[in-house]
Amino acid sequence: YGYQLLKYILDGPKQLFALGQGYTRSNKFKDAIESF
């Protein structure tokens, strides 16, 4: 699962902040990425 997830993140690449939504209540990009 994890290997395919990294491959998906890099295929584009994707916006890490968007992927990190739901992992923290903070609305800061930094916090969302760290939590993800």
PDB file of all heavy atoms in Angstrom:
ATOM      1  N   TYR A   1       0.832  -1.207   0.000  1.00  0.00           N
ATOM      2  CA  TYR A   1       0.000   0.000   0.000  1.00  0.00           C
ATOM      3  C   TYR A   1       0.868   1.259   0.000  1.00  0.00           C
ATOM      4  O   TYR A   1       0.662   2.191  -0.790  1.00  0.00           O
ATOM      5  CB  TYR A   1      -0.898  -0.021   1.240  1.00  0.00           C
ATOM      6  CG  TYR A   1      -1.909   1.089   1.341  1.00  0.00           C
ATOM      7  CD1 TYR A   1      -3.201   0.926   0.830  1.00  0.00           C
ATOM      8  CD2 TYR A   1      -1.603   2.289   1.973  1.00  0.00           C
ATOM      9  CE1 TYR A   1      -4.141   1.938   0.955  1.00  0.00           C
ATOM     10  CE2 TYR A   1      -2.533   3.300   2.092  1.00  0.00           C
ATOM     11  CZ  TYR A   1      -3.809   3.123   1.587  1.00  0.00           C
ATOM     12  OH  TYR A   1      -4.747   4.127   1.714  1.00  0.00           O
ATOM     13  N   GLY A   2       1.855   1.293   0.894  1.00  0.00           N
ATOM     14  CA  GLY A   2       2.683   2.486   1.054  1.00  0.00           C
ATOM     15  C   GLY A   2       3.497   2.820  -0.176  1.00  0.00           C
ATOM     16  O   GLY A   2       3.654   3.995  -0.540  1.00  0.00           O
ATOM     17  N   TYR A   3       4.032   1.804  -0.832  1.00  0.00           N
ATOM     18  CA  TYR A   3       4.838   2.047  -2.029  1.00  0.00           C
ATOM     19  C   TYR A   3       3.969   2.661  -3.132  1.00  0.00           C
ATOM     20  O   TYR A   3       4.385   3.612  -3.814  1.00  0.00           O
ATOM     21  CB  TYR A   3       5.466   0.750  -2.523  1.00  0.00           C
ATOM     22  CG  TYR A   3       6.378   0.934  -3.710  1.00  0.00           C
ATOM     23  CD1 TYR A   3       7.657   1.442  -3.539  1.00  0.00           C
ATOM     24  CD2 TYR A   3       5.955   0.610  -4.993  1.00  0.00           C
ATOM     25  CE1 TYR A   3       8.512   1.627  -4.632  1.00  0.00           C
ATOM     26  CE2 TYR A   3       6.789   0.795  -6.092  1.00  0.00           C
ATOM     27  CZ  TYR A   3       8.067   1.299  -5.900  1.00  0.00           C
ATOM     28  OH  TYR A   3       8.896   1.485  -6.987  1.00  0.00           O
ATOM     29  N   GLN A   4       2.773   2.129  -3.301  1.00  0.00           N
ATOM     30  CA  GLN A   4       1.869   2.671  -4.320  1.00  0.00           C
ATOM     31  C   GLN A   4       1.402   4.078  -3.969  1.00  0.00           C
ATOM     32  O   GLN A   4       1.188   4.919  -4.853  1.00  0.00           O
ATOM     33  CB  GLN A   4       0.672   1.744  -4.497  1.00  0.00           C
ATOM     34  CG  GLN A   4       1.038   0.399  -5.111  1.00  0.00           C
ATOM     35  CD  GLN A   4      -0.174  -0.482  -5.342  1.00  0.00           C
ATOM     36  OE1 GLN A   4      -1.093  -0.117  -6.084  1.00  0.00           O
ATOM     37  NE2 GLN A   4      -0.189  -1.649  -4.709  1.00  0.00           N
ATOM     38  N   LEU A   5       1.275   4.359  -2.678  1.00  0.00           N
ATOM     39  CA  LEU A   5       0.884   5.698  -2.241  1.00  0.00           C
ATOM     40  C   LEU A   5       1.965   6.711  -2.610  1.00  0.00           C
ATOM     41  O   LEU A   5       1.669   7.791  -3.141  1.00  0.00           O
ATOM     42  CB  LEU A   5       0.642   5.711  -0.733  1.00  0.00           C
ATOM     43  CG  LEU A   5       0.350   7.094  -0.103  1.00  0.00           C
ATOM     44  CD1 LEU A   5      -0.890   7.726  -0.744  1.00  0.00           C
ATOM     45  CD2 LEU A   5       0.168   6.961   1.406  1.00  0.00           C
ATOM     46  N   LEU A   6       3.213   6.381  -2.331  1.00  0.00           N
ATOM     47  CA  LEU A   6       4.309   7.284  -2.692  1.00  0.00           C
ATOM     48  C   LEU A   6       4.369   7.490  -4.212  1.00  0.00           C
ATOM     49  O   LEU A   6       4.613   8.605  -4.692  1.00  0.00           O
ATOM     50  CB  LEU A   6       5.639   6.731  -2.196  1.00  0.00           C
ATOM     51  CG  LEU A   6       5.878   6.715  -0.681  1.00  0.00           C
ATOM     52  CD1 LEU A   6       7.323   6.311  -0.388  1.00  0.00           C
ATOM     53  CD2 LEU A   6       5.582   8.064  -0.050  1.00  0.00           C
ATOM     54  N   LYS A   7       4.157   6.426  -4.940  1.00  0.00           N
ATOM     55  CA  LYS A   7       4.175   6.516  -6.400  1.00  0.00           C
ATOM     56  C   LYS A   7       3.078   7.457  -6.889  1.00  0.00           C
ATOM     57  O   LYS A   7       3.289   8.264  -7.810  1.00  0.00           O
ATOM     58  CB  LYS A   7       3.984   5.119  -6.999  1.00  0.00           C
ATOM     59  CG  LYS A   7       4.168   5.054  -8.502  1.00  0.00           C
ATOM     60  CD  LYS A   7       4.094   3.611  -8.977  1.00  0.00           C
ATOM     61  CE  LYS A   7       4.334   3.532 -10.487  1.00  0.00           C
ATOM     62  NZ  LYS A   7       4.252   2.113 -10.957  1.00  0.00           N
ATOM     63  N   TYR A   8       1.907   7.384  -6.252  1.00  0.00           N
ATOM     64  CA  TYR A   8       0.795   8.261  -6.616  1.00  0.00           C
ATOM     65  C   TYR A   8       1.127   9.721  -6.282  1.00  0.00           C
ATOM     66  O   TYR A   8       0.859  10.634  -7.078  1.00  0.00           O
ATOM     67  CB  TYR A   8      -0.471   7.831  -5.866  1.00  0.00           C
ATOM     68  CG  TYR A   8      -1.618   8.808  -5.991  1.00  0.00           C
ATOM     69  CD1 TYR A   8      -2.360   8.882  -7.167  1.00  0.00           C
ATOM     70  CD2 TYR A   8      -1.943   9.656  -4.938  1.00  0.00           C
ATOM     71  CE1 TYR A   8      -3.407   9.791  -7.293  1.00  0.00           C
ATOM     72  CE2 TYR A   8      -2.990  10.557  -5.046  1.00  0.00           C
ATOM     73  CZ  TYR A   8      -3.718  10.626  -6.237  1.00  0.00           C
ATOM     74  OH  TYR A   8      -4.740  11.529  -6.349  1.00  0.00           O
ATOM     75  N   ILE A   9       1.714   9.952  -5.117  1.00  0.00           N
ATOM     76  CA  ILE A   9       2.071  11.310  -4.704  1.00  0.00           C
ATOM     77  C   ILE A   9       3.018  11.955  -5.703  1.00  0.00           C
ATOM     78  O   ILE A   9       2.885  13.140  -6.044  1.00  0.00           O
ATOM     79  CB  ILE A   9       2.731  11.286  -3.303  1.00  0.00           C
ATOM     80  CG1 ILE A   9       1.698  10.883  -2.242  1.00  0.00           C
ATOM     81  CG2 ILE A   9       3.331  12.646  -2.957  1.00  0.00           C
ATOM     82  CD1 ILE A   9       2.300  10.639  -0.872  1.00  0.00           C
ATOM     83  N   LEU A  10       3.964  11.158  -6.207  1.00  0.00           N
ATOM     84  CA  LEU A  10       4.985  11.688  -7.107  1.00  0.00           C
ATOM     85  C   LEU A  10       4.529  11.769  -8.551  1.00  0.00           C
ATOM     86  O   LEU A  10       5.162  12.432  -9.375  1.00  0.00           O
ATOM     87  CB  LEU A  10       6.244  10.819  -7.025  1.00  0.00           C
ATOM     88  CG  LEU A  10       6.951  10.831  -5.663  1.00  0.00           C
ATOM     89  CD1 LEU A  10       8.018   9.748  -5.617  1.00  0.00           C
ATOM     90  CD2 LEU A  10       7.567  12.203  -5.389  1.00  0.00           C
ATOM     91  N   ASP A  11       3.449  11.096  -8.873  1.00  0.00           N
ATOM     92  CA  ASP A  11       2.933  11.114 -10.234  1.00  0.00           C
ATOM     93  C   ASP A  11       2.151  12.399 -10.464  1.00  0.00           C
ATOM     94  O   ASP A  11       0.953  12.473 -10.268  1.00  0.00           O
ATOM     95  CB  ASP A  11       2.034   9.900 -10.475  1.00  0.00           C
ATOM     96  CG  ASP A  11       1.537   9.831 -11.909  1.00  0.00           C
ATOM     97  OD1 ASP A  11       2.131  10.500 -12.769  1.00  0.00           O
ATOM     98  OD2 ASP A  11       0.566   9.087 -12.160  1.00  0.00           O
ATOM     99  N   GLY A  12       2.853  13.412 -10.838  1.00  0.00           N
ATOM    100  CA  GLY A  12       2.160  14.689 -11.041  1.00  0.00           C
ATOM    101  C   GLY A  12       3.016  15.908 -10.835  1.00  0.00           C
ATOM    102  O   GLY A  12       3.294  16.611 -11.789  1.00  0.00           O
ATOM    103  N   PRO A  13       3.531  16.184  -9.651  1.00  0.00           N
ATOM    104  CA  PRO A  13       3.207  15.537  -8.362  1.00  0.00           C
ATOM    105  C   PRO A  13       1.914  16.097  -7.763  1.00  0.00           C
ATOM    106  O   PRO A  13       1.325  17.022  -8.326  1.00  0.00           O
ATOM    107  CB  PRO A  13       4.424  15.903  -7.511  1.00  0.00           C
ATOM    108  CG  PRO A  13       4.832  17.247  -8.043  1.00  0.00           C
ATOM    109  CD  PRO A  13       4.559  17.223  -9.525  1.00  0.00           C
ATOM    110  N   LYS A  14       1.482  15.554  -6.641  1.00  0.00           N
ATOM    111  CA  LYS A  14       0.267  16.003  -5.978  1.00  0.00           C
ATOM    112  C   LYS A  14       0.578  17.065  -4.926  1.00  0.00           C
ATOM    113  O   LYS A  14       1.691  17.163  -4.422  1.00  0.00           O
ATOM    114  CB  LYS A  14      -0.421  14.812  -5.289  1.00  0.00           C
ATOM    115  CG  LYS A  14      -0.668  13.640  -6.209  1.00  0.00           C
ATOM    116  CD  LYS A  14      -1.556  14.006  -7.387  1.00  0.00           C
ATOM    117  CE  LYS A  14      -1.834  12.827  -8.296  1.00  0.00           C
ATOM    118  NZ  LYS A  14      -0.650  12.234  -8.914  1.00  0.00           N
ATOM    119  N   GLN A  15      -0.424  17.845  -4.602  1.00  0.00           N
ATOM    120  CA  GLN A  15      -0.293  18.850  -3.555  1.00  0.00           C
ATOM    121  C   GLN A  15      -0.396  18.168  -2.192  1.00  0.00           C
ATOM    122  O   GLN A  15      -1.431  17.611  -1.842  1.00  0.00           O
ATOM    123  CB  GLN A  15      -1.379  19.920  -3.697  1.00  0.00           C
ATOM    124  CG  GLN A  15      -1.183  20.831  -4.907  1.00  0.00           C
ATOM    125  CD  GLN A  15       0.101  21.642  -4.799  1.00  0.00           C
ATOM    126  OE1 GLN A  15       0.429  22.164  -3.725  1.00  0.00           O
ATOM    127  NE2 GLN A  15       0.825  21.747  -5.907  1.00  0.00           N
ATOM    128  N   LEU A  16       0.671  18.196  -1.427  1.00  0.00           N
ATOM    129  CA  LEU A  16       0.708  17.507  -0.140  1.00  0.00           C
ATOM    130  C   LEU A  16      -0.322  18.071   0.836  1.00  0.00           C
ATOM    131  O   LEU A  16      -0.890  17.324   1.637  1.00  0.00           O
ATOM    132  CB  LEU A  16       2.108  17.606   0.458  1.00  0.00           C
ATOM    133  CG  LEU A  16       3.214  16.895  -0.337  1.00  0.00           C
ATOM    134  CD1 LEU A  16       4.574  17.155   0.307  1.00  0.00           C
ATOM    135  CD2 LEU A  16       2.943  15.403  -0.398  1.00  0.00           C
ATOM    136  N   PHE A  17      -0.562  19.361   0.770  1.00  0.00           N
ATOM    137  CA  PHE A  17      -1.534  19.967   1.681  1.00  0.00           C
ATOM    138  C   PHE A  17      -2.929  19.383   1.452  1.00  0.00           C
ATOM    139  O   PHE A  17      -3.654  19.061   2.397  1.00  0.00           O
ATOM    140  CB  PHE A  17      -1.576  21.485   1.490  1.00  0.00           C
ATOM    141  CG  PHE A  17      -2.743  22.142   2.168  1.00  0.00           C
ATOM    142  CD1 PHE A  17      -2.792  22.239   3.554  1.00  0.00           C
ATOM    143  CD2 PHE A  17      -3.819  22.636   1.431  1.00  0.00           C
ATOM    144  CE1 PHE A  17      -3.869  22.836   4.187  1.00  0.00           C
ATOM    145  CE2 PHE A  17      -4.901  23.233   2.061  1.00  0.00           C
ATOM    146  CZ  PHE A  17      -4.926  23.339   3.441  1.00  0.00           C
ATOM    147  N   ALA A  18      -3.287  19.221   0.177  1.00  0.00           N
ATOM    148  CA  ALA A  18      -4.606  18.668  -0.154  1.00  0.00           C
ATOM    149  C   ALA A  18      -4.714  17.214   0.316  1.00  0.00           C
ATOM    150  O   ALA A  18      -5.755  16.796   0.836  1.00  0.00           O
ATOM    151  CB  ALA A  18      -4.852  18.762  -1.653  1.00  0.00           C
ATOM    152  N   LEU A  19      -3.647  16.451   0.139  1.00  0.00           N
ATOM    153  CA  LEU A  19      -3.664  15.052   0.575  1.00  0.00           C
ATOM    154  C   LEU A  19      -3.775  14.948   2.090  1.00  0.00           C
ATOM    155  O   LEU A  19      -4.307  13.974   2.621  1.00  0.00           O
ATOM    156  CB  LEU A  19      -2.389  14.336   0.113  1.00  0.00           C
ATOM    157  CG  LEU A  19      -2.148  14.253  -1.399  1.00  0.00           C
ATOM    158  CD1 LEU A  19      -0.841  13.505  -1.669  1.00  0.00           C
ATOM    159  CD2 LEU A  19      -3.298  13.562  -2.108  1.00  0.00           C
ATOM    160  N   GLY A  20      -3.273  15.964   2.787  1.00  0.00           N
ATOM    161  CA  GLY A  20      -3.237  15.931   4.248  1.00  0.00           C
ATOM    162  C   GLY A  20      -4.495  16.393   4.935  1.00  0.00           C
ATOM    163  O   GLY A  20      -4.561  16.403   6.184  1.00  0.00           O
ATOM    164  N   GLN A  21      -5.507  16.757   4.180  1.00  0.00           N
ATOM    165  CA  GLN A  21      -6.756  17.184   4.805  1.00  0.00           C
ATOM    166  C   GLN A  21      -7.391  16.031   5.576  1.00  0.00           C
ATOM    167  O   GLN A  21      -7.488  14.920   5.090  1.00  0.00           O
ATOM    168  CB  GLN A  21      -7.738  17.693   3.738  1.00  0.00           C
ATOM    169  CG  GLN A  21      -7.283  18.959   3.039  1.00  0.00           C
ATOM    170  CD  GLN A  21      -7.009  20.078   4.032  1.00  0.00           C
ATOM    171  OE1 GLN A  21      -7.845  20.398   4.879  1.00  0.00           O
ATOM    172  NE2 GLN A  21      -5.826  20.676   3.944  1.00  0.00           N
ATOM    173  N   GLY A  22      -7.798  16.314   6.806  1.00  0.00           N
ATOM    174  CA  GLY A  22      -8.398  15.291   7.654  1.00  0.00           C
ATOM    175  C   GLY A  22      -7.432  14.759   8.695  1.00  0.00           C
ATOM    176  O   GLY A  22      -7.845  14.076   9.636  1.00  0.00           O
ATOM    177  N   TYR A  23      -6.147  15.072   8.536  1.00  0.00           N
ATOM    178  CA  TYR A  23      -5.139  14.564   9.458  1.00  0.00           C
ATOM    179  C   TYR A  23      -4.835  15.526  10.602  1.00  0.00           C
ATOM    180  O   TYR A  23      -4.096  15.187  11.515  1.00  0.00           O
ATOM    181  CB  TYR A  23      -3.850  14.223   8.696  1.00  0.00           C
ATOM    182  CG  TYR A  23      -3.975  12.948   7.900  1.00  0.00           C
ATOM    183  CD1 TYR A  23      -4.434  12.970   6.584  1.00  0.00           C
ATOM    184  CD2 TYR A  23      -3.674  11.720   8.466  1.00  0.00           C
ATOM    185  CE1 TYR A  23      -4.574  11.788   5.857  1.00  0.00           C
ATOM    186  CE2 TYR A  23      -3.812  10.539   7.752  1.00  0.00           C
ATOM    187  CZ  TYR A  23      -4.266  10.580   6.448  1.00  0.00           C
ATOM    188  OH  TYR A  23      -4.413   9.418   5.740  1.00  0.00           O
ATOM    189  N   THR A  24      -5.392  16.725  10.540  1.00  0.00           N
ATOM    190  CA  THR A  24      -5.214  17.694  11.621  1.00  0.00           C
ATOM    191  C   THR A  24      -6.341  18.719  11.570  1.00  0.00           C
ATOM    192  O   THR A  24      -6.933  18.946  10.510  1.00  0.00           O
ATOM    193  CB  THR A  24      -3.852  18.420  11.488  1.00  0.00           C
ATOM    194  OG1 THR A  24      -3.724  19.386  12.534  1.00  0.00           O
ATOM    195  CG2 THR A  24      -3.737  19.122  10.153  1.00  0.00           C
ATOM    196  N   ARG A  25      -6.621  19.301  12.709  1.00  0.00           N
ATOM    197  CA  ARG A  25      -7.655  20.343  12.744  1.00  0.00           C
ATOM    198  C   ARG A  25      -7.088  21.698  12.355  1.00  0.00           C
ATOM    199  O   ARG A  25      -7.835  22.653  12.126  1.00  0.00           O
ATOM    200  CB  ARG A  25      -8.252  20.429  14.149  1.00  0.00           C
ATOM    201  CG  ARG A  25      -9.027  19.168  14.552  1.00  0.00           C
ATOM    202  CD  ARG A  25      -9.649  19.331  15.921  1.00  0.00           C
ATOM    203  NE  ARG A  25     -10.402  18.134  16.300  1.00  0.00           N
ATOM    204  CZ  ARG A  25     -11.049  18.008  17.446  1.00  0.00           C
ATOM    205  NH1 ARG A  25     -11.031  19.004  18.345  1.00  0.00           N
ATOM    206  NH2 ARG A  25     -11.725  16.901  17.715  1.00  0.00           N
ATOM    207  N   SER A  26      -5.804  21.798  12.293  1.00  0.00           N
ATOM    208  CA  SER A  26      -5.158  23.045  11.913  1.00  0.00           C
ATOM    209  C   SER A  26      -5.385  23.333  10.434  1.00  0.00           C
ATOM    210  O   SER A  26      -5.448  22.418   9.615  1.00  0.00           O
ATOM    211  CB  SER A  26      -3.660  22.969  12.197  1.00  0.00           C
ATOM    212  OG  SER A  26      -2.989  24.083  11.661  1.00  0.00           O
ATOM    213  N   ASN A  27      -5.512  24.603  10.078  1.00  0.00           N
ATOM    214  CA  ASN A  27      -5.682  24.980   8.677  1.00  0.00           C
ATOM    215  C   ASN A  27      -4.372  25.431   8.041  1.00  0.00           C
ATOM    216  O   ASN A  27      -4.349  25.982   6.944  1.00  0.00           O
ATOM    217  CB  ASN A  27      -6.731  26.081   8.539  1.00  0.00           C
ATOM    218  CG  ASN A  27      -6.359  27.328   9.333  1.00  0.00           C
ATOM    219  OD1 ASN A  27      -5.288  27.400   9.937  1.00  0.00           O
ATOM    220  ND2 ASN A  27      -7.247  28.312   9.327  1.00  0.00           N
ATOM    221  N   LYS A  28      -3.251  25.151   8.726  1.00  0.00           N
ATOM    222  CA  LYS A  28      -1.945  25.527   8.199  1.00  0.00           C
ATOM    223  C   LYS A  28      -1.422  24.414   7.285  1.00  0.00           C
ATOM    224  O   LYS A  28      -1.517  23.227   7.602  1.00  0.00           O
ATOM    225  CB  LYS A  28      -0.948  25.752   9.329  1.00  0.00           C
ATOM    226  CG  LYS A  28      -1.291  26.948  10.224  1.00  0.00           C
ATOM    227  CD  LYS A  28      -0.245  27.104  11.322  1.00  0.00           C
ATOM    228  CE  LYS A  28      -0.567  28.306  12.214  1.00  0.00           C
ATOM    229  NZ  LYS A  28       0.447  28.468  13.294  1.00  0.00           N
ATOM    230  N   PHE A  29      -0.855  24.819   6.153  1.00  0.00           N
ATOM    231  CA  PHE A  29      -0.293  23.846   5.227  1.00  0.00           C
ATOM    232  C   PHE A  29       0.752  22.977   5.921  1.00  0.00           C
ATOM    233  O   PHE A  29       0.795  21.764   5.763  1.00  0.00           O
ATOM    234  CB  PHE A  29       0.358  24.563   4.037  1.00  0.00           C
ATOM    235  CG  PHE A  29      -0.634  25.094   3.037  1.00  0.00           C
ATOM    236  CD1 PHE A  29      -1.974  25.269   3.368  1.00  0.00           C
ATOM    237  CD2 PHE A  29      -0.228  25.409   1.755  1.00  0.00           C
ATOM    238  CE1 PHE A  29      -2.890  25.760   2.452  1.00  0.00           C
ATOM    239  CE2 PHE A  29      -1.131  25.898   0.827  1.00  0.00           C
ATOM    240  CZ  PHE A  29      -2.466  26.073   1.174  1.00  0.00           C
ATOM    241  N   LYS A  30       1.594  23.636   6.706  1.00  0.00           N
ATOM    242  CA  LYS A  30       2.693  22.960   7.386  1.00  0.00           C
ATOM    243  C   LYS A  30       2.180  21.822   8.268  1.00  0.00           C
ATOM    244  O   LYS A  30       2.682  20.703   8.230  1.00  0.00           O
ATOM    245  CB  LYS A  30       3.471  23.963   8.220  1.00  0.00           C
ATOM    246  CG  LYS A  30       4.568  23.383   9.102  1.00  0.00           C
ATOM    247  CD  LYS A  30       5.262  24.493   9.864  1.00  0.00           C
ATOM    248  CE  LYS A  30       6.358  23.938  10.773  1.00  0.00           C
ATOM    249  NZ  LYS A  30       5.807  23.071  11.825  1.00  0.00           N
ATOM    250  N   ASP A  31       1.158  22.099   9.064  1.00  0.00           N
ATOM    251  CA  ASP A  31       0.618  21.104   9.983  1.00  0.00           C
ATOM    252  C   ASP A  31      -0.037  19.939   9.242  1.00  0.00           C
ATOM    253  O   ASP A  31       0.081  18.774   9.649  1.00  0.00           O
ATOM    254  CB  ASP A  31      -0.392  21.754  10.929  1.00  0.00           C
ATOM    255  CG  ASP A  31       0.247  22.770  11.857  1.00  0.00           C
ATOM    256  OD1 ASP A  31       1.481  22.691  12.032  1.00  0.00           O
ATOM    257  OD2 ASP A  31      -0.482  23.624  12.394  1.00  0.00           O
ATOM    258  N   ALA A  32      -0.732  20.256   8.152  1.00  0.00           N
ATOM    259  CA  ALA A  32      -1.406  19.219   7.380  1.00  0.00           C
ATOM    260  C   ALA A  32      -0.390  18.252   6.761  1.00  0.00           C
ATOM    261  O   ALA A  32      -0.561  17.030   6.786  1.00  0.00           O
ATOM    262  CB  ALA A  32      -2.265  19.842   6.286  1.00  0.00           C
ATOM    263  N   ILE A  33       0.674  18.808   6.226  1.00  0.00           N
ATOM    264  CA  ILE A  33       1.704  17.976   5.589  1.00  0.00           C
ATOM    265  C   ILE A  33       2.426  17.122   6.621  1.00  0.00           C
ATOM    266  O   ILE A  33       2.657  15.927   6.413  1.00  0.00           O
ATOM    267  CB  ILE A  33       2.703  18.860   4.818  1.00  0.00           C
ATOM    268  CG1 ILE A  33       1.999  19.539   3.640  1.00  0.00           C
ATOM    269  CG2 ILE A  33       3.886  18.027   4.322  1.00  0.00           C
ATOM    270  CD1 ILE A  33       2.850  20.561   2.915  1.00  0.00           C
ATOM    271  N   GLU A  34       2.785  17.721   7.744  1.00  0.00           N
ATOM    272  CA  GLU A  34       3.470  16.981   8.808  1.00  0.00           C
ATOM    273  C   GLU A  34       2.618  15.810   9.301  1.00  0.00           C
ATOM    274  O   GLU A  34       3.116  14.696   9.498  1.00  0.00           O
ATOM    275  CB  GLU A  34       3.799  17.908   9.981  1.00  0.00           C
ATOM    276  CG  GLU A  34       4.986  18.815   9.756  1.00  0.00           C
ATOM    277  CD  GLU A  34       5.315  19.618  10.992  1.00  0.00           C
ATOM    278  OE1 GLU A  34       4.403  19.820  11.842  1.00  0.00           O
ATOM    279  OE2 GLU A  34       6.469  20.052  11.131  1.00  0.00           O
ATOM    280  N   SER A  35       1.330  16.078   9.535  1.00  0.00           N
ATOM    281  CA  SER A  35       0.433  15.039  10.042  1.00  0.00           C
ATOM    282  C   SER A  35       0.243  13.924   9.027  1.00  0.00           C
ATOM    283  O   SER A  35       0.208  12.735   9.370  1.00  0.00           O
ATOM    284  CB  SER A  35      -0.931  15.646  10.399  1.00  0.00           C
ATOM    285  OG  SER A  35      -0.802  16.583  11.442  1.00  0.00           O
ATOM    286  N   PHE A  36       0.129  14.302   7.753  1.00  0.00           N
ATOM    287  CA  PHE A  36      -0.051  13.305   6.704  1.00  0.00           C
ATOM    288  C   PHE A  36       1.173  12.392   6.607  1.00  0.00           C
ATOM    289  O   PHE A  36       1.048  11.160   6.515  1.00  0.00           O
ATOM    290  CB  PHE A  36      -0.293  14.002   5.361  1.00  0.00           C
ATOM    291  CG  PHE A  36      -0.386  13.055   4.199  1.00  0.00           C
ATOM    292  CD1 PHE A  36      -1.508  12.256   4.009  1.00  0.00           C
ATOM    293  CD2 PHE A  36       0.660  12.945   3.289  1.00  0.00           C
ATOM    294  CE1 PHE A  36      -1.591  11.365   2.943  1.00  0.00           C
ATOM    295  CE2 PHE A  36       0.594  12.067   2.224  1.00  0.00           C
ATOM    296  CZ  PHE A  36      -0.538  11.279   2.048  1.00  0.00           C
TER     297      PHE A  36
END
